[in-house]
Amino acid sequence: MDADKNLVNQSVIVASVANRILGLKTLDTQNSDSLDFHDLSTENIRAALNAAYEAGFKYGRQKPLE
């Protein structure tokens, strides 16, 4: 069950980063080129990757070592 919870947490974090930094409303496939493909600057992509990394790092530090 923890694996399912971790996957949900990961999805929420990734979706939040995509929305806040990349301006994407959803990461779901919309079956429309104008909705599924986006022009993004390398600066924004770098910021999104850094935010996702930081979120994962913080999340990992909160979990007890097994």
PDB file of N, CA and C in Angstrom:
ATOM      1  N   MET A   1       0.819  -1.186   0.000  1.00  0.00           N
ATOM      2  CA  MET A   1       0.000   0.000   0.000  1.00  0.00           C
ATOM      3  C   MET A   1       0.867   1.255   0.000  1.00  0.00           C
ATOM      4  N   ASP A   2       2.035   1.209   0.659  1.00  0.00           N
ATOM      5  CA  ASP A   2       2.925   2.364   0.673  1.00  0.00           C
ATOM      6  C   ASP A   2       3.382   2.738  -0.729  1.00  0.00           C
ATOM      7  N   ALA A   3       3.589   1.756  -1.594  1.00  0.00           N
ATOM      8  CA  ALA A   3       4.002   2.036  -2.967  1.00  0.00           C
ATOM      9  C   ALA A   3       2.938   2.846  -3.692  1.00  0.00           C
ATOM     10  N   ASP A   4       1.673   2.515  -3.492  1.00  0.00           N
ATOM     11  CA  ASP A   4       0.576   3.273  -4.111  1.00  0.00           C
ATOM     12  C   ASP A   4       0.550   4.708  -3.579  1.00  0.00           C
ATOM     13  N   LYS A   5       0.737   4.861  -2.286  1.00  0.00           N
ATOM     14  CA  LYS A   5       0.730   6.184  -1.667  1.00  0.00           C
ATOM     15  C   LYS A   5       1.902   7.019  -2.186  1.00  0.00           C
ATOM     16  N   ASN A   6       3.070   6.406  -2.321  1.00  0.00           N
ATOM     17  CA  ASN A   6       4.239   7.107  -2.838  1.00  0.00           C
ATOM     18  C   ASN A   6       4.027   7.539  -4.284  1.00  0.00           C
ATOM     19  N   LEU A   7       3.392   6.693  -5.083  1.00  0.00           N
ATOM     20  CA  LEU A   7       3.121   7.025  -6.478  1.00  0.00           C
ATOM     21  C   LEU A   7       2.156   8.199  -6.570  1.00  0.00           C
ATOM     22  N   VAL A   8       1.151   8.226  -5.713  1.00  0.00           N
ATOM     23  CA  VAL A   8       0.198   9.340  -5.684  1.00  0.00           C
ATOM     24  C   VAL A   8       0.921  10.617  -5.278  1.00  0.00           C
ATOM     25  N   ASN A   9       1.746  10.557  -4.230  1.00  0.00           N
ATOM     26  CA  ASN A   9       2.509  11.726  -3.786  1.00  0.00           C
ATOM     27  C   ASN A   9       3.411  12.231  -4.898  1.00  0.00           C
ATOM     28  N   GLN A  10       4.077  11.317  -5.596  1.00  0.00           N
ATOM     29  CA  GLN A  10       4.963  11.693  -6.692  1.00  0.00           C
ATOM     30  C   GLN A  10       4.172  12.387  -7.799  1.00  0.00           C
ATOM     31  N   SER A  11       3.026  11.850  -8.143  1.00  0.00           N
ATOM     32  CA  SER A  11       2.198  12.444  -9.191  1.00  0.00           C
ATOM     33  C   SER A  11       1.731  13.842  -8.824  1.00  0.00           C
ATOM     34  N   VAL A  12       1.362  14.030  -7.561  1.00  0.00           N
ATOM     35  CA  VAL A  12       0.905  15.345  -7.095  1.00  0.00           C
ATOM     36  C   VAL A  12       2.050  16.350  -7.151  1.00  0.00           C
ATOM     37  N   ILE A  13       3.224  15.950  -6.718  1.00  0.00           N
ATOM     38  CA  ILE A  13       4.385  16.841  -6.730  1.00  0.00           C
ATOM     39  C   ILE A  13       4.747  17.220  -8.166  1.00  0.00           C
ATOM     40  N   VAL A  14       4.811  16.252  -9.050  1.00  0.00           N
ATOM     41  CA  VAL A  14       5.176  16.510 -10.450  1.00  0.00           C
ATOM     42  C   VAL A  14       4.140  17.414 -11.111  1.00  0.00           C
ATOM     43  N   ALA A  15       2.865  17.153 -10.881  1.00  0.00           N
ATOM     44  CA  ALA A  15       1.810  17.988 -11.465  1.00  0.00           C
ATOM     45  C   ALA A  15       1.886  19.413 -10.935  1.00  0.00           C
ATOM     46  N   SER A  16       2.190  19.558  -9.664  1.00  0.00           N
ATOM     47  CA  SER A  16       2.312  20.886  -9.066  1.00  0.00           C
ATOM     48  C   SER A  16       3.467  21.666  -9.684  1.00  0.00           C
ATOM     49  N   VAL A  17       4.600  21.021  -9.849  1.00  0.00           N
ATOM     50  CA  VAL A  17       5.764  21.663 -10.470  1.00  0.00           C
ATOM     51  C   VAL A  17       5.443  22.045 -11.908  1.00  0.00           C
ATOM     52  N   ALA A  18       4.820  21.152 -12.641  1.00  0.00           N
ATOM     53  CA  ALA A  18       4.464  21.428 -14.039  1.00  0.00           C
ATOM     54  C   ALA A  18       3.528  22.627 -14.135  1.00  0.00           C
ATOM     55  N   ASN A  19       2.615  22.727 -13.205  1.00  0.00           N
ATOM     56  CA  ASN A  19       1.666  23.840 -13.220  1.00  0.00           C
ATOM     57  C   ASN A  19       2.324  25.150 -12.799  1.00  0.00           C
ATOM     58  N   ARG A  20       3.001  25.137 -11.664  1.00  0.00           N
ATOM     59  CA  ARG A  20       3.586  26.365 -11.115  1.00  0.00           C
ATOM     60  C   ARG A  20       4.693  26.940 -11.986  1.00  0.00           C
ATOM     61  N   ILE A  21       5.574  26.081 -12.486  1.00  0.00           N
ATOM     62  CA  ILE A  21       6.772  26.568 -13.163  1.00  0.00           C
ATOM     63  C   ILE A  21       6.630  26.561 -14.683  1.00  0.00           C
ATOM     64  N   LEU A  22       6.001  25.523 -15.209  1.00  0.00           N
ATOM     65  CA  LEU A  22       5.889  25.422 -16.665  1.00  0.00           C
ATOM     66  C   LEU A  22       4.566  25.956 -17.195  1.00  0.00           C
ATOM     67  N   GLY A  23       3.624  26.227 -16.294  1.00  0.00           N
ATOM     68  CA  GLY A  23       2.338  26.764 -16.723  1.00  0.00           C
ATOM     69  C   GLY A  23       1.441  25.747 -17.401  1.00  0.00           C
ATOM     70  N   LEU A  24       1.674  24.470 -17.139  1.00  0.00           N
ATOM     71  CA  LEU A  24       0.868  23.403 -17.742  1.00  0.00           C
ATOM     72  C   LEU A  24      -0.333  23.114 -16.854  1.00  0.00           C
ATOM     73  N   LYS A  25      -1.516  23.129 -17.444  1.00  0.00           N
ATOM     74  CA  LYS A  25      -2.735  22.870 -16.665  1.00  0.00           C
ATOM     75  C   LYS A  25      -2.858  21.407 -16.276  1.00  0.00           C
ATOM     76  N   THR A  26      -2.381  20.527 -17.127  1.00  0.00           N
ATOM     77  CA  THR A  26      -2.460  19.090 -16.852  1.00  0.00           C
ATOM     78  C   THR A  26      -1.314  18.373 -17.543  1.00  0.00           C
ATOM     79  N   LEU A  27      -0.941  17.231 -17.010  1.00  0.00           N
ATOM     80  CA  LEU A  27       0.038  16.371 -17.662  1.00  0.00           C
ATOM     81  C   LEU A  27      -0.638  15.195 -18.348  1.00  0.00           C
ATOM     82  N   ASP A  28      -1.962  15.179 -18.309  1.00  0.00           N
ATOM     83  CA  ASP A  28      -2.716  14.127 -18.987  1.00  0.00           C
ATOM     84  C   ASP A  28      -2.704  14.364 -20.493  1.00  0.00           C
ATOM     85  N   THR A  29      -2.657  13.297 -21.260  1.00  0.00           N
ATOM     86  CA  THR A  29      -2.732  13.405 -22.715  1.00  0.00           C
ATOM     87  C   THR A  29      -4.106  13.896 -23.118  1.00  0.00           C
ATOM     88  N   GLN A  30      -4.127  14.927 -23.947  1.00  0.00           N
ATOM     89  CA  GLN A  30      -5.385  15.530 -24.397  1.00  0.00           C
ATOM     90  C   GLN A  30      -5.751  15.105 -25.816  1.00  0.00           C
ATOM     91  N   ASN A  31      -4.869  14.366 -26.477  1.00  0.00           N
ATOM     92  CA  ASN A  31      -5.071  13.919 -27.867  1.00  0.00           C
ATOM     93  C   ASN A  31      -5.267  15.094 -28.816  1.00  0.00           C
ATOM     94  N   SER A  32      -4.519  16.152 -28.569  1.00  0.00           N
ATOM     95  CA  SER A  32      -4.549  17.345 -29.408  1.00  0.00           C
ATOM     96  C   SER A  32      -3.155  17.955 -29.393  1.00  0.00           C
ATOM     97  N   ASP A  33      -2.562  18.130 -30.567  1.00  0.00           N
ATOM     98  CA  ASP A  33      -1.209  18.676 -30.620  1.00  0.00           C
ATOM     99  C   ASP A  33      -1.104  20.011 -29.900  1.00  0.00           C
ATOM    100  N   SER A  34      -2.099  20.867 -30.061  1.00  0.00           N
ATOM    101  CA  SER A  34      -2.027  22.189 -29.435  1.00  0.00           C
ATOM    102  C   SER A  34      -2.102  22.115 -27.912  1.00  0.00           C
ATOM    103  N   LEU A  35      -2.638  21.038 -27.383  1.00  0.00           N
ATOM    104  CA  LEU A  35      -2.727  20.866 -25.931  1.00  0.00           C
ATOM    105  C   LEU A  35      -1.623  19.965 -25.369  1.00  0.00           C
ATOM    106  N   ASP A  36      -1.086  19.080 -26.201  1.00  0.00           N
ATOM    107  CA  ASP A  36      -0.097  18.109 -25.729  1.00  0.00           C
ATOM    108  C   ASP A  36       1.351  18.546 -25.936  1.00  0.00           C
ATOM    109  N   PHE A  37       1.605  19.500 -26.815  1.00  0.00           N
ATOM    110  CA  PHE A  37       2.966  19.949 -27.098  1.00  0.00           C
ATOM    111  C   PHE A  37       3.089  21.424 -26.739  1.00  0.00           C
ATOM    112  N   HIS A  38       4.200  21.769 -26.083  1.00  0.00           N
ATOM    113  CA  HIS A  38       4.391  23.125 -25.574  1.00  0.00           C
ATOM    114  C   HIS A  38       5.805  23.610 -25.879  1.00  0.00           C
ATOM    115  N   ASP A  39       5.942  24.890 -26.155  1.00  0.00           N
ATOM    116  CA  ASP A  39       7.251  25.522 -26.280  1.00  0.00           C
ATOM    117  C   ASP A  39       7.659  25.991 -24.894  1.00  0.00           C
ATOM    118  N   LEU A  40       8.788  25.473 -24.418  1.00  0.00           N
ATOM    119  CA  LEU A  40       9.261  25.819 -23.080  1.00  0.00           C
ATOM    120  C   LEU A  40      10.713  26.257 -23.152  1.00  0.00           C
ATOM    121  N   SER A  41      11.044  27.263 -22.392  1.00  0.00           N
ATOM    122  CA  SER A  41      12.438  27.713 -22.364  1.00  0.00           C
ATOM    123  C   SER A  41      13.279  26.749 -21.531  1.00  0.00           C
ATOM    124  N   THR A  42      14.557  26.699 -21.854  1.00  0.00           N
ATOM    125  CA  THR A  42      15.460  25.849 -21.068  1.00  0.00           C
ATOM    126  C   THR A  42      15.534  26.342 -19.631  1.00  0.00           C
ATOM    127  N   GLU A  43      15.398  27.643 -19.434  1.00  0.00           N
ATOM    128  CA  GLU A  43      15.407  28.197 -18.074  1.00  0.00           C
ATOM    129  C   GLU A  43      14.243  27.637 -17.255  1.00  0.00           C
ATOM    130  N   ASN A  44      13.051  27.583 -17.847  1.00  0.00           N
ATOM    131  CA  ASN A  44      11.888  27.042 -17.135  1.00  0.00           C
ATOM    132  C   ASN A  44      12.003  25.537 -16.927  1.00  0.00           C
ATOM    133  N   ILE A  45      12.537  24.841 -17.907  1.00  0.00           N
ATOM    134  CA  ILE A  45      12.729  23.389 -17.749  1.00  0.00           C
ATOM    135  C   ILE A  45      13.717  23.125 -16.621  1.00  0.00           C
ATOM    136  N   ARG A  46      14.810  23.880 -16.587  1.00  0.00           N
ATOM    137  CA  ARG A  46      15.809  23.730 -15.519  1.00  0.00           C
ATOM    138  C   ARG A  46      15.169  24.011 -14.160  1.00  0.00           C
ATOM    139  N   ALA A  47      14.384  25.069 -14.069  1.00  0.00           N
ATOM    140  CA  ALA A  47      13.720  25.417 -12.810  1.00  0.00           C
ATOM    141  C   ALA A  47      12.761  24.312 -12.375  1.00  0.00           C
ATOM    142  N   ALA A  48      12.026  23.741 -13.325  1.00  0.00           N
ATOM    143  CA  ALA A  48      11.084  22.666 -13.002  1.00  0.00           C
ATOM    144  C   ALA A  48      11.822  21.422 -12.519  1.00  0.00           C
ATOM    145  N   LEU A  49      12.910  21.080 -13.183  1.00  0.00           N
ATOM    146  CA  LEU A  49      13.683  19.905 -12.763  1.00  0.00           C
ATOM    147  C   LEU A  49      14.290  20.126 -11.374  1.00  0.00           C
ATOM    148  N   ASN A  50      14.800  21.320 -11.126  1.00  0.00           N
ATOM    149  CA  ASN A  50      15.346  21.624  -9.795  1.00  0.00           C
ATOM    150  C   ASN A  50      14.270  21.572  -8.723  1.00  0.00           C
ATOM    151  N   ALA A  51      13.097  22.101  -9.020  1.00  0.00           N
ATOM    152  CA  ALA A  51      11.995  22.073  -8.048  1.00  0.00           C
ATOM    153  C   ALA A  51      11.566  20.638  -7.753  1.00  0.00           C
ATOM    154  N   ALA A  52      11.495  19.808  -8.786  1.00  0.00           N
ATOM    155  CA  ALA A  52      11.110  18.406  -8.592  1.00  0.00           C
ATOM    156  C   ALA A  52      12.174  17.670  -7.768  1.00  0.00           C
ATOM    157  N   TYR A  53      13.421  17.945  -8.057  1.00  0.00           N
ATOM    158  CA  TYR A  53      14.509  17.324  -7.294  1.00  0.00           C
ATOM    159  C   TYR A  53      14.433  17.733  -5.820  1.00  0.00           C
ATOM    160  N   GLU A  54      14.284  19.029  -5.578  1.00  0.00           N
ATOM    161  CA  GLU A  54      14.199  19.529  -4.205  1.00  0.00           C
ATOM    162  C   GLU A  54      13.005  18.933  -3.461  1.00  0.00           C
ATOM    163  N   ALA A  55      11.866  18.848  -4.145  1.00  0.00           N
ATOM    164  CA  ALA A  55      10.669  18.269  -3.519  1.00  0.00           C
ATOM    165  C   ALA A  55      10.915  16.803  -3.165  1.00  0.00           C
ATOM    166  N   GLY A  56      11.538  16.069  -4.058  1.00  0.00           N
ATOM    167  CA  GLY A  56      11.852  14.664  -3.794  1.00  0.00           C
ATOM    168  C   GLY A  56      12.838  14.508  -2.657  1.00  0.00           C
ATOM    169  N   PHE A  57      13.818  15.383  -2.617  1.00  0.00           N
ATOM    170  CA  PHE A  57      14.811  15.349  -1.544  1.00  0.00           C
ATOM    171  C   PHE A  57      14.148  15.602  -0.192  1.00  0.00           C
ATOM    172  N   LYS A  58      13.297  16.632  -0.134  1.00  0.00           N
ATOM    173  CA  LYS A  58      12.596  16.949   1.113  1.00  0.00           C
ATOM    174  C   LYS A  58      11.665  15.817   1.526  1.00  0.00           C
ATOM    175  N   TYR A  59      10.958  15.252   0.559  1.00  0.00           N
ATOM    176  CA  TYR A  59      10.048  14.142   0.846  1.00  0.00           C
ATOM    177  C   TYR A  59      10.835  12.944   1.376  1.00  0.00           C
ATOM    178  N   GLY A  60      11.970  12.650   0.766  1.00  0.00           N
ATOM    179  CA  GLY A  60      12.799  11.524   1.191  1.00  0.00           C
ATOM    180  C   GLY A  60      13.361  11.696   2.578  1.00  0.00           C
ATOM    181  N   ARG A  61      13.676  12.929   2.953  1.00  0.00           N
ATOM    182  CA  ARG A  61      14.223  13.195   4.280  1.00  0.00           C
ATOM    183  C   ARG A  61      13.169  13.029   5.363  1.00  0.00           C
ATOM    184  N   GLN A  62      11.887  13.141   4.996  1.00  0.00           N
ATOM    185  CA  GLN A  62      10.800  13.001   5.967  1.00  0.00           C
ATOM    186  C   GLN A  62      10.503  11.548   6.276  1.00  0.00           C
ATOM    187  N   LYS A  63      10.886  10.647   5.373  1.00  0.00           N
ATOM    188  CA  LYS A  63      10.571   9.234   5.552  1.00  0.00           C
ATOM    189  C   LYS A  63      11.626   8.586   6.445  1.00  0.00           C
ATOM    190  N   PRO A  64      11.211   7.728   7.359  1.00  0.00           N
ATOM    191  CA  PRO A  64      12.190   7.015   8.193  1.00  0.00           C
ATOM    192  C   PRO A  64      12.966   6.014   7.363  1.00  0.00           C
ATOM    193  N   LEU A  65      14.225   5.810   7.732  1.00  0.00           N
ATOM    194  CA  LEU A  65      15.045   4.813   7.047  1.00  0.00           C
ATOM    195  C   LEU A  65      14.548   3.423   7.403  1.00  0.00           C
ATOM    196  N   GLU A  66      14.539   2.562   6.409  1.00  0.00           N
ATOM    197  CA  GLU A  66      14.047   1.196   6.646  1.00  0.00           C
ATOM    198  C   GLU A  66      15.189   0.260   6.935  1.00  0.00           C
TER     199      GLU A  66
END
